[in-house]
C-alpha atoms as a PDB file:
ATOM      1  CA  GLN A   1     -10.308 -12.263 -10.738  1.00  0.00           C
ATOM      2  CA  VAL A   2      -8.981 -10.439  -7.900  1.00  0.00           C
ATOM      3  CA  GLN A   3     -10.728  -7.169  -6.329  1.00  0.00           C
ATOM      4  CA  LEU A   4      -8.794  -4.765  -4.149  1.00  0.00           C
ATOM      5  CA  VAL A   5     -10.373  -1.993  -1.991  1.00  0.00           C
ATOM      6  CA  GLU A   6      -8.146   0.539  -0.232  1.00  0.00           C
ATOM      7  CA  SER A   7      -9.021   2.623   2.794  1.00  0.00           C
ATOM      8  CA  GLY A   8      -7.484   4.580   5.484  1.00  0.00           C
ATOM      9  CA  GLY A   9      -6.135   7.531   3.595  1.00  0.00           C
ATOM     10  CA  GLY A  10      -6.678  11.028   4.919  1.00  0.00           C
ATOM     11  CA  LEU A  11      -5.118  14.290   6.139  1.00  0.00           C
ATOM     12  CA  VAL A  12      -2.485  14.292   8.651  1.00  0.00           C
ATOM     13  CA  GLN A  13       0.185  16.783  10.197  1.00  0.00           C
ATOM     14  CA  ALA A  14       3.931  16.099   9.443  1.00  0.00           C
ATOM     15  CA  GLY A  15       5.160  13.599  11.877  1.00  0.00           C
ATOM     16  CA  GLY A  16       1.865  11.975  12.263  1.00  0.00           C
ATOM     17  CA  SER A  17       0.881   8.285  11.383  1.00  0.00           C
ATOM     18  CA  LEU A  18      -1.727   6.575   9.228  1.00  0.00           C
ATOM     19  CA  ARG A  19      -2.614   2.919   8.446  1.00  0.00           C
ATOM     20  CA  LEU A  20      -3.752   2.078   5.004  1.00  0.00           C
ATOM     21  CA  SER A  21      -5.668  -1.081   4.503  1.00  0.00           C
ATOM     22  CA  CYS A  22      -6.373  -3.294   1.409  1.00  0.00           C
ATOM     23  CA  ALA A  23      -8.921  -5.901   1.436  1.00  0.00           C
ATOM     24  CA  ALA A  24      -8.626  -8.631  -1.273  1.00  0.00           C
ATOM     25  CA  SER A  25     -11.429 -10.790  -2.625  1.00  0.00           C
ATOM     26  CA  GLY A  26     -12.094 -13.017  -5.687  1.00  0.00           C
ATOM     27  CA  SER A  27      -9.251 -15.680  -6.689  1.00  0.00           C
ATOM     28  CA  ILE A  28      -7.295 -14.822  -3.535  1.00  0.00           C
ATOM     29  CA  PHE A  29      -5.487 -18.104  -3.637  1.00  0.00           C
ATOM     30  CA  ARG A  30      -3.992 -17.070  -6.980  1.00  0.00           C
ATOM     31  CA  ILE A  31      -1.982 -14.033  -5.358  1.00  0.00           C
ATOM     32  CA  ASN A  32       1.720 -14.501  -5.292  1.00  0.00           C
ATOM     33  CA  ALA A  33       2.484 -11.267  -3.953  1.00  0.00           C
ATOM     34  CA  MET A  34       0.883  -7.718  -2.869  1.00  0.00           C
ATOM     35  CA  GLY A  35       2.256  -4.317  -2.549  1.00  0.00           C
ATOM     36  CA  TRP A  36       1.772  -0.683  -2.159  1.00  0.00           C
ATOM     37  CA  TYR A  37       2.350   2.104  -5.004  1.00  0.00           C
ATOM     38  CA  ARG A  38       2.083   5.763  -4.829  1.00  0.00           C
ATOM     39  CA  GLN A  39       1.865   8.828  -7.350  1.00  0.00           C
ATOM     40  CA  ALA A  40       2.178  12.239  -6.411  1.00  0.00           C
ATOM     41  CA  PRO A  41       1.081  15.235  -8.309  1.00  0.00           C
ATOM     42  CA  GLY A  42       3.280  15.808 -11.266  1.00  0.00           C
ATOM     43  CA  LYS A  43       5.424  12.555 -10.297  1.00  0.00           C
ATOM     44  CA  GLN A  44       5.775   8.933 -11.685  1.00  0.00           C
ATOM     45  CA  ARG A  45       4.157   6.167 -10.057  1.00  0.00           C
ATOM     46  CA  GLU A  46       6.588   4.585  -7.685  1.00  0.00           C
ATOM     47  CA  LEU A  47       6.712   1.321  -5.476  1.00  0.00           C
ATOM     48  CA  VAL A  48       6.496   1.597  -1.738  1.00  0.00           C
ATOM     49  CA  ALA A  49       6.440  -1.796  -0.392  1.00  0.00           C
ATOM     50  CA  THR A  50       5.739  -5.237  -1.193  1.00  0.00           C
ATOM     51  CA  ILE A  51       5.024  -8.672   0.513  1.00  0.00           C
ATOM     52  CA  THR A  52       4.973 -12.116  -0.748  1.00  0.00           C
ATOM     53  CA  SER A  53       2.721 -14.949  -0.181  1.00  0.00           C
ATOM     54  CA  GLY A  54       5.337 -16.398   2.108  1.00  0.00           C
ATOM     55  CA  GLY A  55       5.470 -13.282   4.156  1.00  0.00           C
ATOM     56  CA  SER A  56       8.837 -11.689   2.803  1.00  0.00           C
ATOM     57  CA  THR A  57       8.716  -7.936   2.744  1.00  0.00           C
ATOM     58  CA  ASN A  58      10.511  -5.308   1.120  1.00  0.00           C
ATOM     59  CA  ALA A  59      10.361  -1.398   1.031  1.00  0.00           C
ATOM     60  CA  ALA A  60      11.856   1.543  -0.963  1.00  0.00           C
ATOM     61  CA  ASP A  61      14.648   3.338   0.417  1.00  0.00           C
ATOM     62  CA  SER A  62      12.639   6.662   0.887  1.00  0.00           C
ATOM     63  CA  VAL A  63      10.283   4.999   3.290  1.00  0.00           C
ATOM     64  CA  LYS A  64      12.432   2.260   4.915  1.00  0.00           C
ATOM     65  CA  GLY A  65      12.335   2.538   8.726  1.00  0.00           C
ATOM     66  CA  ARG A  66       9.090   4.647   8.571  1.00  0.00           C
ATOM     67  CA  PHE A  67       6.706   2.461   6.710  1.00  0.00           C
ATOM     68  CA  THR A  68       5.873  -1.193   7.296  1.00  0.00           C
ATOM     69  CA  ILE A  69       3.897  -3.518   5.358  1.00  0.00           C
ATOM     70  CA  SER A  70       1.969  -6.358   6.733  1.00  0.00           C
ATOM     71  CA  ARG A  71      -0.963  -8.866   6.326  1.00  0.00           C
ATOM     72  CA  ASP A  72      -3.689 -10.434   7.988  1.00  0.00           C
ATOM     73  CA  ASN A  73      -4.483 -13.891   6.229  1.00  0.00           C
ATOM     74  CA  ALA A  74      -7.747 -14.625   8.105  1.00  0.00           C
ATOM     75  CA  LYS A  75      -9.023 -11.273   6.800  1.00  0.00           C
ATOM     76  CA  ASN A  76      -7.328 -11.258   3.515  1.00  0.00           C
ATOM     77  CA  THR A  77      -6.053  -7.799   4.108  1.00  0.00           C
ATOM     78  CA  VAL A  78      -2.647  -6.105   3.504  1.00  0.00           C
ATOM     79  CA  TYR A  79      -1.754  -3.078   5.567  1.00  0.00           C
ATOM     80  CA  LEU A  80       0.657  -0.096   5.239  1.00  0.00           C
ATOM     81  CA  GLN A  81       1.566   1.329   8.570  1.00  0.00           C
ATOM     82  CA  MET A  82       2.793   5.024   7.836  1.00  0.00           C
ATOM     83  CA  ASN A  83       4.810   6.618  10.482  1.00  0.00           C
ATOM     84  CA  SER A  84       6.935   9.933  10.911  1.00  0.00           C
ATOM     85  CA  LEU A  85       5.045  11.305   7.729  1.00  0.00           C
ATOM     86  CA  LYS A  86       6.366  13.909   5.735  1.00  0.00           C
ATOM     87  CA  PRO A  87       4.933  16.408   3.283  1.00  0.00           C
ATOM     88  CA  GLU A  88       6.767  14.487   0.426  1.00  0.00           C
ATOM     89  CA  ASP A  89       4.699  11.298   1.351  1.00  0.00           C
ATOM     90  CA  THR A  90       1.418  13.298   0.055  1.00  0.00           C
ATOM     91  CA  ALA A  91       0.181  10.954  -2.912  1.00  0.00           C
ATOM     92  CA  VAL A  92      -2.425   8.614  -4.115  1.00  0.00           C
ATOM     93  CA  TYR A  93      -1.577   5.229  -2.714  1.00  0.00           C
ATOM     94  CA  TYR A  94      -2.519   2.071  -4.641  1.00  0.00           C
ATOM     95  CA  CYS A  95      -2.847  -1.489  -3.571  1.00  0.00           C
ATOM     96  CA  THR A  96      -1.615  -4.306  -5.915  1.00  0.00           C
ATOM     97  CA  ALA A  97      -1.746  -7.875  -6.333  1.00  0.00           C
ATOM     98  CA  GLU A  98       0.129 -10.227  -8.510  1.00  0.00           C
ATOM     99  CA  THR A  99      -0.971 -13.213  -9.875  1.00  0.00           C
ATOM    100  CA  HIS A 100       0.109 -15.903 -12.534  1.00  0.00           C
ATOM    101  CA  TRP A 101      -2.671 -14.658 -14.729  1.00  0.00           C
ATOM    102  CA  GLY A 102      -1.850 -10.741 -14.415  1.00  0.00           C
ATOM    103  CA  ASP A 103      -1.835  -7.752 -12.055  1.00  0.00           C
ATOM    104  CA  TYR A 104      -4.678  -5.956 -10.325  1.00  0.00           C
ATOM    105  CA  TRP A 105      -4.967  -2.600  -8.921  1.00  0.00           C
ATOM    106  CA  GLY A 106      -7.187  -1.018  -6.235  1.00  0.00           C
ATOM    107  CA  GLN A 107      -8.947   2.412  -6.874  1.00  0.00           C
ATOM    108  CA  GLY A 108      -6.347   4.367  -4.689  1.00  0.00           C
ATOM    109  CA  THR A 109      -6.634   6.368  -1.384  1.00  0.00           C
ATOM    110  CA  GLN A 110      -5.395   9.774  -1.010  1.00  0.00           C
ATOM    111  CA  VAL A 111      -2.900  10.517   1.563  1.00  0.00           C
ATOM    112  CA  THR A 112      -2.003  14.376   2.203  1.00  0.00           C
ATOM    113  CA  VAL A 113       0.533  15.486   4.852  1.00  0.00           C
ATOM    114  CA  SER A 114       0.469  19.089   5.900  1.00  0.00           C
ATOM    115  CA  SER A 115       3.869  20.905   6.859  1.00  0.00           C
END
């Protein structure tokens, strides 16, 4: 089993930056890929960015050029660097981990961007 704990959310002004962290524990060797999803009020949950065990990354068009996903293998932690934040980025952000046995989700962290 894999446990995921997100942190780093908060209140920021438009144009500001935040870095979200996701600390993984448990059967870490089973993780094939990790990523970030977000869900805004009244909207469907959407994929934001992913990173594979080999280090390949991908990002949604809506955040490409502003958000960057990265990892620190020594700390078993994945990050989401969020720059040039917009009010439409306001959402609960969830960390995910994919294994051969199933997918795991963190509890979510709130990001609020004021206009």
